[in-house]
Amino acid sequence: MADSLGPSLIPSNVKLQVVIGMLTTIIKVGKYLPYIMFTFATVNLTLAILDLAIWGNVPFGMLNTILAVGGFVLSGQLHQKRAWADSTVFYRSAEGNPSNFNSAG
């Protein structure tokens, strides 16, 4: 009981290293998320084709079809959002007004 109420025995620099490691992992996963989603959607589509055409398992074939369509839609949306975010870079001018970096003027 006293251990749960007392101060933590883990040093703060170790906690900071754990947080930095978790953030690094999250950033890496986020960077490749459209590709990960596309891969899972392709696997679901393959399973759907196998379920419906070869194995004759209609319920799981329909489930994998729904998951594949959702995965492709989500992958496309993530790719489109990333393309839009990369093309709209804003900065503040010397006067403090935000303007589009890619536009002339």
PDB file of N, CA and C in Angstrom:
ATOM      1  N   MET A   1       0.824  -1.188   0.000  1.00  0.00           N
ATOM      2  CA  MET A   1       0.000   0.000   0.000  1.00  0.00           C
ATOM      3  C   MET A   1       0.865   1.248   0.000  1.00  0.00           C
ATOM      4  N   ALA A   2       1.968   1.211   0.761  1.00  0.00           N
ATOM      5  CA  ALA A   2       2.830   2.387   0.847  1.00  0.00           C
ATOM      6  C   ALA A   2       3.539   2.649  -0.477  1.00  0.00           C
ATOM      7  N   ASP A   3       3.790   1.574  -1.260  1.00  0.00           N
ATOM      8  CA  ASP A   3       4.474   1.763  -2.532  1.00  0.00           C
ATOM      9  C   ASP A   3       3.616   2.528  -3.536  1.00  0.00           C
ATOM     10  N   SER A   4       2.314   2.317  -3.497  1.00  0.00           N
ATOM     11  CA  SER A   4       1.457   2.988  -4.461  1.00  0.00           C
ATOM     12  C   SER A   4       1.260   4.461  -4.125  1.00  0.00           C
ATOM     13  N   LEU A   5       1.458   4.839  -2.889  1.00  0.00           N
ATOM     14  CA  LEU A   5       1.269   6.227  -2.489  1.00  0.00           C
ATOM     15  C   LEU A   5       2.567   7.024  -2.484  1.00  0.00           C
ATOM     16  N   GLY A   6       3.701   6.356  -2.468  1.00  0.00           N
ATOM     17  CA  GLY A   6       4.987   7.031  -2.383  1.00  0.00           C
ATOM     18  C   GLY A   6       5.451   7.558  -3.726  1.00  0.00           C
ATOM     19  N   PRO A   7       6.574   8.271  -3.714  1.00  0.00           N
ATOM     20  CA  PRO A   7       7.113   8.815  -4.973  1.00  0.00           C
ATOM     21  C   PRO A   7       7.612   7.694  -5.874  1.00  0.00           C
ATOM     22  N   SER A   8       7.649   7.982  -7.144  1.00  0.00           N
ATOM     23  CA  SER A   8       8.095   6.994  -8.115  1.00  0.00           C
ATOM     24  C   SER A   8       9.597   6.781  -7.982  1.00  0.00           C
ATOM     25  N   LEU A   9      10.022   5.535  -8.123  1.00  0.00           N
ATOM     26  CA  LEU A   9      11.438   5.209  -7.999  1.00  0.00           C
ATOM     27  C   LEU A   9      12.161   5.276  -9.336  1.00  0.00           C
ATOM     28  N   ILE A  10      11.430   5.560 -10.415  1.00  0.00           N
ATOM     29  CA  ILE A  10      12.043   5.651 -11.744  1.00  0.00           C
ATOM     30  C   ILE A  10      12.546   7.073 -11.944  1.00  0.00           C
ATOM     31  N   PRO A  11      13.820   7.234 -12.284  1.00  0.00           N
ATOM     32  CA  PRO A  11      14.360   8.583 -12.490  1.00  0.00           C
ATOM     33  C   PRO A  11      13.669   9.290 -13.657  1.00  0.00           C
ATOM     34  N   SER A  12      13.644  10.599 -13.595  1.00  0.00           N
ATOM     35  CA  SER A  12      12.933  11.373 -14.616  1.00  0.00           C
ATOM     36  C   SER A  12      13.605  11.268 -15.985  1.00  0.00           C
ATOM     37  N   ASN A  13      14.929  11.092 -16.040  1.00  0.00           N
ATOM     38  CA  ASN A  13      15.580  10.977 -17.342  1.00  0.00           C
ATOM     39  C   ASN A  13      15.201   9.665 -18.024  1.00  0.00           C
ATOM     40  N   VAL A  14      14.944   8.613 -17.254  1.00  0.00           N
ATOM     41  CA  VAL A  14      14.493   7.348 -17.838  1.00  0.00           C
ATOM     42  C   VAL A  14      13.075   7.516 -18.382  1.00  0.00           C
ATOM     43  N   LYS A  15      12.222   8.219 -17.635  1.00  0.00           N
ATOM     44  CA  LYS A  15      10.866   8.481 -18.109  1.00  0.00           C
ATOM     45  C   LYS A  15      10.899   9.286 -19.399  1.00  0.00           C
ATOM     46  N   LEU A  16      11.782  10.267 -19.462  1.00  0.00           N
ATOM     47  CA  LEU A  16      11.899  11.093 -20.662  1.00  0.00           C
ATOM     48  C   LEU A  16      12.376  10.271 -21.851  1.00  0.00           C
ATOM     49  N   GLN A  17      13.308   9.363 -21.640  1.00  0.00           N
ATOM     50  CA  GLN A  17      13.778   8.494 -22.715  1.00  0.00           C
ATOM     51  C   GLN A  17      12.666   7.581 -23.226  1.00  0.00           C
ATOM     52  N   VAL A  18      11.826   7.095 -22.318  1.00  0.00           N
ATOM     53  CA  VAL A  18      10.705   6.248 -22.726  1.00  0.00           C
ATOM     54  C   VAL A  18       9.711   7.051 -23.557  1.00  0.00           C
ATOM     55  N   VAL A  19       9.416   8.270 -23.144  1.00  0.00           N
ATOM     56  CA  VAL A  19       8.486   9.118 -23.890  1.00  0.00           C
ATOM     57  C   VAL A  19       9.053   9.439 -25.267  1.00  0.00           C
ATOM     58  N   ILE A  20      10.329   9.747 -25.350  1.00  0.00           N
ATOM     59  CA  ILE A  20      10.962  10.048 -26.640  1.00  0.00           C
ATOM     60  C   ILE A  20      10.932   8.816 -27.540  1.00  0.00           C
ATOM     61  N   GLY A  21      11.192   7.651 -26.986  1.00  0.00           N
ATOM     62  CA  GLY A  21      11.128   6.421 -27.771  1.00  0.00           C
ATOM     63  C   GLY A  21       9.727   6.146 -28.303  1.00  0.00           C
ATOM     64  N   MET A  22       8.704   6.369 -27.463  1.00  0.00           N
ATOM     65  CA  MET A  22       7.322   6.166 -27.910  1.00  0.00           C
ATOM     66  C   MET A  22       6.946   7.163 -28.995  1.00  0.00           C
ATOM     67  N   LEU A  23       7.333   8.423 -28.838  1.00  0.00           N
ATOM     68  CA  LEU A  23       7.032   9.427 -29.861  1.00  0.00           C
ATOM     69  C   LEU A  23       7.736   9.120 -31.176  1.00  0.00           C
ATOM     70  N   THR A  24       8.959   8.626 -31.108  1.00  0.00           N
ATOM     71  CA  THR A  24       9.681   8.244 -32.323  1.00  0.00           C
ATOM     72  C   THR A  24       8.955   7.120 -33.046  1.00  0.00           C
ATOM     73  N   THR A  25       8.478   6.137 -32.296  1.00  0.00           N
ATOM     74  CA  THR A  25       7.734   5.031 -32.900  1.00  0.00           C
ATOM     75  C   THR A  25       6.433   5.523 -33.520  1.00  0.00           C
ATOM     76  N   ILE A  26       5.718   6.399 -32.838  1.00  0.00           N
ATOM     77  CA  ILE A  26       4.467   6.939 -33.364  1.00  0.00           C
ATOM     78  C   ILE A  26       4.710   7.726 -34.644  1.00  0.00           C
ATOM     79  N   ILE A  27       5.782   8.501 -34.696  1.00  0.00           N
ATOM     80  CA  ILE A  27       6.100   9.282 -35.893  1.00  0.00           C
ATOM     81  C   ILE A  27       6.436   8.364 -37.058  1.00  0.00           C
ATOM     82  N   LYS A  28       7.193   7.299 -36.797  1.00  0.00           N
ATOM     83  CA  LYS A  28       7.537   6.358 -37.867  1.00  0.00           C
ATOM     84  C   LYS A  28       6.300   5.654 -38.401  1.00  0.00           C
ATOM     85  N   VAL A  29       5.417   5.212 -37.507  1.00  0.00           N
ATOM     86  CA  VAL A  29       4.188   4.551 -37.947  1.00  0.00           C
ATOM     87  C   VAL A  29       3.312   5.535 -38.724  1.00  0.00           C
ATOM     88  N   GLY A  30       3.202   6.756 -38.253  1.00  0.00           N
ATOM     89  CA  GLY A  30       2.406   7.770 -38.949  1.00  0.00           C
ATOM     90  C   GLY A  30       2.954   8.105 -40.322  1.00  0.00           C
ATOM     91  N   LYS A  31       4.260   8.052 -40.455  1.00  0.00           N
ATOM     92  CA  LYS A  31       4.892   8.357 -41.739  1.00  0.00           C
ATOM     93  C   LYS A  31       4.522   7.321 -42.792  1.00  0.00           C
ATOM     94  N   TYR A  32       4.441   6.060 -42.392  1.00  0.00           N
ATOM     95  CA  TYR A  32       4.155   4.981 -43.336  1.00  0.00           C
ATOM     96  C   TYR A  32       2.719   4.466 -43.236  1.00  0.00           C
ATOM     97  N   LEU A  33       1.831   5.191 -42.562  1.00  0.00           N
ATOM     98  CA  LEU A  33       0.466   4.726 -42.355  1.00  0.00           C
ATOM     99  C   LEU A  33      -0.307   4.487 -43.655  1.00  0.00           C
ATOM    100  N   PRO A  34      -0.232   5.347 -44.682  1.00  0.00           N
ATOM    101  CA  PRO A  34      -0.964   5.038 -45.920  1.00  0.00           C
ATOM    102  C   PRO A  34      -0.509   3.729 -46.558  1.00  0.00           C
ATOM    103  N   TYR A  35       0.783   3.450 -46.519  1.00  0.00           N
ATOM    104  CA  TYR A  35       1.298   2.211 -47.098  1.00  0.00           C
ATOM    105  C   TYR A  35       0.877   1.000 -46.274  1.00  0.00           C
ATOM    106  N   ILE A  36       0.862   1.150 -44.938  1.00  0.00           N
ATOM    107  CA  ILE A  36       0.419   0.074 -44.066  1.00  0.00           C
ATOM    108  C   ILE A  36      -1.055  -0.232 -44.325  1.00  0.00           C
ATOM    109  N   MET A  37      -1.873   0.819 -44.433  1.00  0.00           N
ATOM    110  CA  MET A  37      -3.299   0.622 -44.699  1.00  0.00           C
ATOM    111  C   MET A  37      -3.515  -0.031 -46.060  1.00  0.00           C
ATOM    112  N   PHE A  38      -2.764   0.390 -47.064  1.00  0.00           N
ATOM    113  CA  PHE A  38      -2.894  -0.197 -48.400  1.00  0.00           C
ATOM    114  C   PHE A  38      -2.520  -1.681 -48.374  1.00  0.00           C
ATOM    115  N   THR A  39      -1.482  -2.028 -47.625  1.00  0.00           N
ATOM    116  CA  THR A  39      -1.064  -3.426 -47.518  1.00  0.00           C
ATOM    117  C   THR A  39      -2.142  -4.270 -46.846  1.00  0.00           C
ATOM    118  N   PHE A  40      -2.714  -3.775 -45.747  1.00  0.00           N
ATOM    119  CA  PHE A  40      -3.774  -4.516 -45.068  1.00  0.00           C
ATOM    120  C   PHE A  40      -5.013  -4.647 -45.954  1.00  0.00           C
ATOM    121  N   ALA A  41      -5.332  -3.594 -46.703  1.00  0.00           N
ATOM    122  CA  ALA A  41      -6.482  -3.662 -47.598  1.00  0.00           C
ATOM    123  C   ALA A  41      -6.242  -4.691 -48.700  1.00  0.00           C
ATOM    124  N   THR A  42      -5.024  -4.761 -49.211  1.00  0.00           N
ATOM    125  CA  THR A  42      -4.701  -5.750 -50.242  1.00  0.00           C
ATOM    126  C   THR A  42      -4.798  -7.168 -49.691  1.00  0.00           C
ATOM    127  N   VAL A  43      -4.333  -7.368 -48.473  1.00  0.00           N
ATOM    128  CA  VAL A  43      -4.440  -8.692 -47.842  1.00  0.00           C
ATOM    129  C   VAL A  43      -5.916  -9.057 -47.648  1.00  0.00           C
ATOM    130  N   ASN A  44      -6.732  -8.095 -47.210  1.00  0.00           N
ATOM    131  CA  ASN A  44      -8.161  -8.364 -47.042  1.00  0.00           C
ATOM    132  C   ASN A  44      -8.835  -8.671 -48.372  1.00  0.00           C
ATOM    133  N   LEU A  45      -8.443  -7.983 -49.433  1.00  0.00           N
ATOM    134  CA  LEU A  45      -9.014  -8.254 -50.742  1.00  0.00           C
ATOM    135  C   LEU A  45      -8.629  -9.649 -51.219  1.00  0.00           C
ATOM    136  N   THR A  46      -7.395 -10.035 -50.991  1.00  0.00           N
ATOM    137  CA  THR A  46      -6.948 -11.377 -51.358  1.00  0.00           C
ATOM    138  C   THR A  46      -7.724 -12.435 -50.583  1.00  0.00           C
ATOM    139  N   LEU A  47      -7.908 -12.213 -49.289  1.00  0.00           N
ATOM    140  CA  LEU A  47      -8.687 -13.154 -48.477  1.00  0.00           C
ATOM    141  C   LEU A  47     -10.144 -13.194 -48.932  1.00  0.00           C
ATOM    142  N   ALA A  48     -10.686 -12.056 -49.330  1.00  0.00           N
ATOM    143  CA  ALA A  48     -12.069 -12.023 -49.804  1.00  0.00           C
ATOM    144  C   ALA A  48     -12.220 -12.837 -51.085  1.00  0.00           C
ATOM    145  N   ILE A  49     -11.274 -12.695 -51.991  1.00  0.00           N
ATOM    146  CA  ILE A  49     -11.329 -13.469 -53.237  1.00  0.00           C
ATOM    147  C   ILE A  49     -11.208 -14.959 -52.940  1.00  0.00           C
ATOM    148  N   LEU A  50     -10.287 -15.314 -52.068  1.00  0.00           N
ATOM    149  CA  LEU A  50     -10.132 -16.724 -51.702  1.00  0.00           C
ATOM    150  C   LEU A  50     -11.384 -17.266 -51.005  1.00  0.00           C
ATOM    151  N   ASP A  51     -11.945 -16.464 -50.093  1.00  0.00           N
ATOM    152  CA  ASP A  51     -13.144 -16.901 -49.380  1.00  0.00           C
ATOM    153  C   ASP A  51     -14.316 -17.107 -50.323  1.00  0.00           C
ATOM    154  N   LEU A  52     -14.541 -16.157 -51.225  1.00  0.00           N
ATOM    155  CA  LEU A  52     -15.719 -16.222 -52.088  1.00  0.00           C
ATOM    156  C   LEU A  52     -15.542 -17.193 -53.255  1.00  0.00           C
ATOM    157  N   ALA A  53     -14.387 -17.229 -53.870  1.00  0.00           N
ATOM    158  CA  ALA A  53     -14.213 -17.993 -55.100  1.00  0.00           C
ATOM    159  C   ALA A  53     -13.733 -19.424 -54.863  1.00  0.00           C
ATOM    160  N   ILE A  54     -12.856 -19.602 -53.895  1.00  0.00           N
ATOM    161  CA  ILE A  54     -12.240 -20.924 -53.753  1.00  0.00           C
ATOM    162  C   ILE A  54     -12.804 -21.677 -52.555  1.00  0.00           C
ATOM    163  N   TRP A  55     -12.836 -21.042 -51.393  1.00  0.00           N
ATOM    164  CA  TRP A  55     -13.226 -21.749 -50.179  1.00  0.00           C
ATOM    165  C   TRP A  55     -14.740 -21.789 -49.986  1.00  0.00           C
ATOM    166  N   GLY A  56     -15.480 -20.929 -50.656  1.00  0.00           N
ATOM    167  CA  GLY A  56     -16.937 -20.921 -50.549  1.00  0.00           C
ATOM    168  C   GLY A  56     -17.467 -20.442 -49.210  1.00  0.00           C
ATOM    169  N   ASN A  57     -16.713 -19.606 -48.522  1.00  0.00           N
ATOM    170  CA  ASN A  57     -17.120 -19.084 -47.225  1.00  0.00           C
ATOM    171  C   ASN A  57     -17.645 -17.659 -47.432  1.00  0.00           C
ATOM    172  N   VAL A  58     -18.946 -17.531 -47.663  1.00  0.00           N
ATOM    173  CA  VAL A  58     -19.540 -16.256 -48.028  1.00  0.00           C
ATOM    174  C   VAL A  58     -19.496 -15.223 -46.897  1.00  0.00           C
ATOM    175  N   PRO A  59     -19.841 -15.556 -45.638  1.00  0.00           N
ATOM    176  CA  PRO A  59     -19.818 -14.518 -44.593  1.00  0.00           C
ATOM    177  C   PRO A  59     -18.432 -13.875 -44.396  1.00  0.00           C
ATOM    178  N   PHE A  60     -17.396 -14.701 -44.337  1.00  0.00           N
ATOM    179  CA  PHE A  60     -16.056 -14.123 -44.170  1.00  0.00           C
ATOM    180  C   PHE A  60     -15.593 -13.421 -45.443  1.00  0.00           C
ATOM    181  N   GLY A  61     -16.056 -13.883 -46.594  1.00  0.00           N
ATOM    182  CA  GLY A  61     -15.746 -13.199 -47.846  1.00  0.00           C
ATOM    183  C   GLY A  61     -16.348 -11.806 -47.886  1.00  0.00           C
ATOM    184  N   MET A  62     -17.591 -11.681 -47.430  1.00  0.00           N
ATOM    185  CA  MET A  62     -18.228 -10.359 -47.381  1.00  0.00           C
ATOM    186  C   MET A  62     -17.541  -9.453 -46.348  1.00  0.00           C
ATOM    187  N   LEU A  63     -17.188 -10.019 -45.202  1.00  0.00           N
ATOM    188  CA  LEU A  63     -16.495  -9.235 -44.173  1.00  0.00           C
ATOM    189  C   LEU A  63     -15.157  -8.724 -44.698  1.00  0.00           C
ATOM    190  N   ASN A  64     -14.385  -9.591 -45.345  1.00  0.00           N
ATOM    191  CA  ASN A  64     -13.096  -9.158 -45.881  1.00  0.00           C
ATOM    192  C   ASN A  64     -13.263  -8.165 -47.022  1.00  0.00           C
ATOM    193  N   THR A  65     -14.340  -8.291 -47.786  1.00  0.00           N
ATOM    194  CA  THR A  65     -14.601  -7.314 -48.846  1.00  0.00           C
ATOM    195  C   THR A  65     -14.881  -5.938 -48.251  1.00  0.00           C
ATOM    196  N   ILE A  66     -15.704  -5.900 -47.204  1.00  0.00           N
ATOM    197  CA  ILE A  66     -16.013  -4.615 -46.548  1.00  0.00           C
ATOM    198  C   ILE A  66     -14.748  -4.010 -45.952  1.00  0.00           C
ATOM    199  N   LEU A  67     -13.946  -4.841 -45.295  1.00  0.00           N
ATOM    200  CA  LEU A  67     -12.699  -4.324 -44.711  1.00  0.00           C
ATOM    201  C   LEU A  67     -11.726  -3.849 -45.783  1.00  0.00           C
ATOM    202  N   ALA A  68     -11.678  -4.543 -46.919  1.00  0.00           N
ATOM    203  CA  ALA A  68     -10.781  -4.133 -47.998  1.00  0.00           C
ATOM    204  C   ALA A  68     -11.212  -2.797 -48.589  1.00  0.00           C
ATOM    205  N   VAL A  69     -12.514  -2.646 -48.837  1.00  0.00           N
ATOM    206  CA  VAL A  69     -13.004  -1.373 -49.388  1.00  0.00           C
ATOM    207  C   VAL A  69     -12.726  -0.233 -48.419  1.00  0.00           C
ATOM    208  N   GLY A  70     -13.000  -0.458 -47.137  1.00  0.00           N
ATOM    209  CA  GLY A  70     -12.713   0.570 -46.130  1.00  0.00           C
ATOM    210  C   GLY A  70     -11.235   0.900 -46.054  1.00  0.00           C
ATOM    211  N   GLY A  71     -10.392  -0.104 -46.159  1.00  0.00           N
ATOM    212  CA  GLY A  71      -8.947   0.128 -46.120  1.00  0.00           C
ATOM    213  C   GLY A  71      -8.451   0.917 -47.312  1.00  0.00           C
ATOM    214  N   PHE A  72      -8.980   0.600 -48.508  1.00  0.00           N
ATOM    215  CA  PHE A  72      -8.578   1.357 -49.697  1.00  0.00           C
ATOM    216  C   PHE A  72      -9.056   2.802 -49.627  1.00  0.00           C
ATOM    217  N   VAL A  73     -10.276   3.013 -49.130  1.00  0.00           N
ATOM    218  CA  VAL A  73     -10.795   4.383 -48.996  1.00  0.00           C
ATOM    219  C   VAL A  73      -9.949   5.166 -47.995  1.00  0.00           C
ATOM    220  N   LEU A  74      -9.671   4.566 -46.845  1.00  0.00           N
ATOM    221  CA  LEU A  74      -8.862   5.254 -45.830  1.00  0.00           C
ATOM    222  C   LEU A  74      -7.448   5.524 -46.334  1.00  0.00           C
ATOM    223  N   SER A  75      -6.859   4.569 -47.026  1.00  0.00           N
ATOM    224  CA  SER A  75      -5.521   4.759 -47.576  1.00  0.00           C
ATOM    225  C   SER A  75      -5.503   5.911 -48.582  1.00  0.00           C
ATOM    226  N   GLY A  76      -6.521   5.959 -49.440  1.00  0.00           N
ATOM    227  CA  GLY A  76      -6.611   7.062 -50.404  1.00  0.00           C
ATOM    228  C   GLY A  76      -6.791   8.403 -49.734  1.00  0.00           C
ATOM    229  N   GLN A  77      -7.615   8.465 -48.683  1.00  0.00           N
ATOM    230  CA  GLN A  77      -7.812   9.717 -47.968  1.00  0.00           C
ATOM    231  C   GLN A  77      -6.532  10.176 -47.276  1.00  0.00           C
ATOM    232  N   LEU A  78      -5.807   9.238 -46.677  1.00  0.00           N
ATOM    233  CA  LEU A  78      -4.545   9.598 -46.022  1.00  0.00           C
ATOM    234  C   LEU A  78      -3.530  10.104 -47.038  1.00  0.00           C
ATOM    235  N   HIS A  79      -3.475   9.441 -48.195  1.00  0.00           N
ATOM    236  CA  HIS A  79      -2.540   9.872 -49.238  1.00  0.00           C
ATOM    237  C   HIS A  79      -2.922  11.252 -49.772  1.00  0.00           C
ATOM    238  N   GLN A  80      -4.224  11.475 -49.976  1.00  0.00           N
ATOM    239  CA  GLN A  80      -4.690  12.765 -50.479  1.00  0.00           C
ATOM    240  C   GLN A  80      -4.424  13.877 -49.464  1.00  0.00           C
ATOM    241  N   LYS A  81      -4.659  13.613 -48.191  1.00  0.00           N
ATOM    242  CA  LYS A  81      -4.410  14.618 -47.159  1.00  0.00           C
ATOM    243  C   LYS A  81      -2.927  14.951 -47.068  1.00  0.00           C
ATOM    244  N   ARG A  82      -2.075  13.922 -47.171  1.00  0.00           N
ATOM    245  CA  ARG A  82      -0.642  14.167 -47.113  1.00  0.00           C
ATOM    246  C   ARG A  82      -0.182  14.978 -48.322  1.00  0.00           C
ATOM    247  N   ALA A  83      -0.715  14.678 -49.501  1.00  0.00           N
ATOM    248  CA  ALA A  83      -0.349  15.430 -50.702  1.00  0.00           C
ATOM    249  C   ALA A  83      -0.793  16.880 -50.576  1.00  0.00           C
ATOM    250  N   TRP A  84      -2.000  17.111 -49.999  1.00  0.00           N
ATOM    251  CA  TRP A  84      -2.476  18.471 -49.816  1.00  0.00           C
ATOM    252  C   TRP A  84      -1.617  19.201 -48.784  1.00  0.00           C
ATOM    253  N   ALA A  85      -1.267  18.540 -47.690  1.00  0.00           N
ATOM    254  CA  ALA A  85      -0.472  19.173 -46.635  1.00  0.00           C
ATOM    255  C   ALA A  85       0.928  19.509 -47.142  1.00  0.00           C
ATOM    256  N   ASP A  86       1.492  18.658 -48.008  1.00  0.00           N
ATOM    257  CA  ASP A  86       2.822  18.936 -48.549  1.00  0.00           C
ATOM    258  C   ASP A  86       2.803  20.096 -49.541  1.00  0.00           C
ATOM    259  N   SER A  87       1.654  20.328 -50.193  1.00  0.00           N
ATOM    260  CA  SER A  87       1.608  21.373 -51.210  1.00  0.00           C
ATOM    261  C   SER A  87       1.223  22.732 -50.638  1.00  0.00           C
ATOM    262  N   THR A  88       0.742  22.794 -49.422  1.00  0.00           N
ATOM    263  CA  THR A  88       0.340  24.068 -48.823  1.00  0.00           C
ATOM    264  C   THR A  88       1.239  24.369 -47.636  1.00  0.00           C
ATOM    265  N   VAL A  89       2.343  25.003 -47.916  1.00  0.00           N
ATOM    266  CA  VAL A  89       3.283  25.391 -46.872  1.00  0.00           C
ATOM    267  C   VAL A  89       3.111  26.884 -46.631  1.00  0.00           C
ATOM    268  N   PHE A  90       2.790  27.246 -45.412  1.00  0.00           N
ATOM    269  CA  PHE A  90       2.566  28.645 -45.079  1.00  0.00           C
ATOM    270  C   PHE A  90       3.734  29.175 -44.249  1.00  0.00           C
ATOM    271  N   TYR A  91       3.996  30.452 -44.398  1.00  0.00           N
ATOM    272  CA  TYR A  91       5.006  31.101 -43.583  1.00  0.00           C
ATOM    273  C   TYR A  91       4.528  32.518 -43.296  1.00  0.00           C
ATOM    274  N   ARG A  92       5.145  33.154 -42.346  1.00  0.00           N
ATOM    275  CA  ARG A  92       4.778  34.529 -42.004  1.00  0.00           C
ATOM    276  C   ARG A  92       5.820  35.472 -42.601  1.00  0.00           C
ATOM    277  N   SER A  93       5.315  36.494 -43.248  1.00  0.00           N
ATOM    278  CA  SER A  93       6.210  37.488 -43.846  1.00  0.00           C
ATOM    279  C   SER A  93       6.738  38.411 -42.754  1.00  0.00           C
ATOM    280  N   ALA A  94       7.565  39.354 -43.151  1.00  0.00           N
ATOM    281  CA  ALA A  94       8.153  40.282 -42.186  1.00  0.00           C
ATOM    282  C   ALA A  94       7.068  41.125 -41.511  1.00  0.00           C
ATOM    283  N   GLU A  95       5.945  41.342 -42.203  1.00  0.00           N
ATOM    284  CA  GLU A  95       4.848  42.122 -41.627  1.00  0.00           C
ATOM    285  C   GLU A  95       3.975  41.284 -40.701  1.00  0.00           C
ATOM    286  N   GLY A  96       4.197  39.963 -40.672  1.00  0.00           N
ATOM    287  CA  GLY A  96       3.415  39.093 -39.816  1.00  0.00           C
ATOM    288  C   GLY A  96       2.194  38.516 -40.492  1.00  0.00           C
ATOM    289  N   ASN A  97       2.040  38.733 -41.803  1.00  0.00           N
ATOM    290  CA  ASN A  97       0.890  38.211 -42.523  1.00  0.00           C
ATOM    291  C   ASN A  97       1.208  36.812 -43.055  1.00  0.00           C
ATOM    292  N   PRO A  98       0.322  35.854 -42.814  1.00  0.00           N
ATOM    293  CA  PRO A  98       0.565  34.521 -43.366  1.00  0.00           C
ATOM    294  C   PRO A  98       0.318  34.507 -44.874  1.00  0.00           C
ATOM    295  N   SER A  99       1.164  33.836 -45.591  1.00  0.00           N
ATOM    296  CA  SER A  99       0.975  33.711 -47.028  1.00  0.00           C
ATOM    297  C   SER A  99       1.434  32.329 -47.466  1.00  0.00           C
ATOM    298  N   ASN A 100       0.979  31.927 -48.631  1.00  0.00           N
ATOM    299  CA  ASN A 100       1.309  30.607 -49.155  1.00  0.00           C
ATOM    300  C   ASN A 100       2.696  30.658 -49.777  1.00  0.00           C
ATOM    301  N   PHE A 101       3.543  29.723 -49.375  1.00  0.00           N
ATOM    302  CA  PHE A 101       4.914  29.677 -49.871  1.00  0.00           C
ATOM    303  C   PHE A 101       4.954  29.350 -51.354  1.00  0.00           C
ATOM    304  N   ASN A 102       3.990  28.553 -51.838  1.00  0.00           N
ATOM    305  CA  ASN A 102       4.006  28.100 -53.227  1.00  0.00           C
ATOM    306  C   ASN A 102       3.418  29.110 -54.186  1.00  0.00           C
ATOM    307  N   SER A 103       2.679  30.104 -53.694  1.00  0.00           N
ATOM    308  CA  SER A 103       2.087  31.079 -54.610  1.00  0.00           C
ATOM    309  C   SER A 103       3.083  32.179 -54.915  1.00  0.00           C
ATOM    310  N   ALA A 104       2.961  32.715 -56.110  1.00  0.00           N
ATOM    311  CA  ALA A 104       3.859  33.807 -56.520  1.00  0.00           C
ATOM    312  C   ALA A 104       3.237  35.115 -56.069  1.00  0.00           C
ATOM    313  N   GLY A 105       3.851  35.731 -55.095  1.00  0.00           N
ATOM    314  CA  GLY A 105       3.345  37.025 -54.689  1.00  0.00           C
ATOM    315  C   GLY A 105       2.988  37.115 -53.309  1.00  0.00           C
TER     316      GLY A 105
END
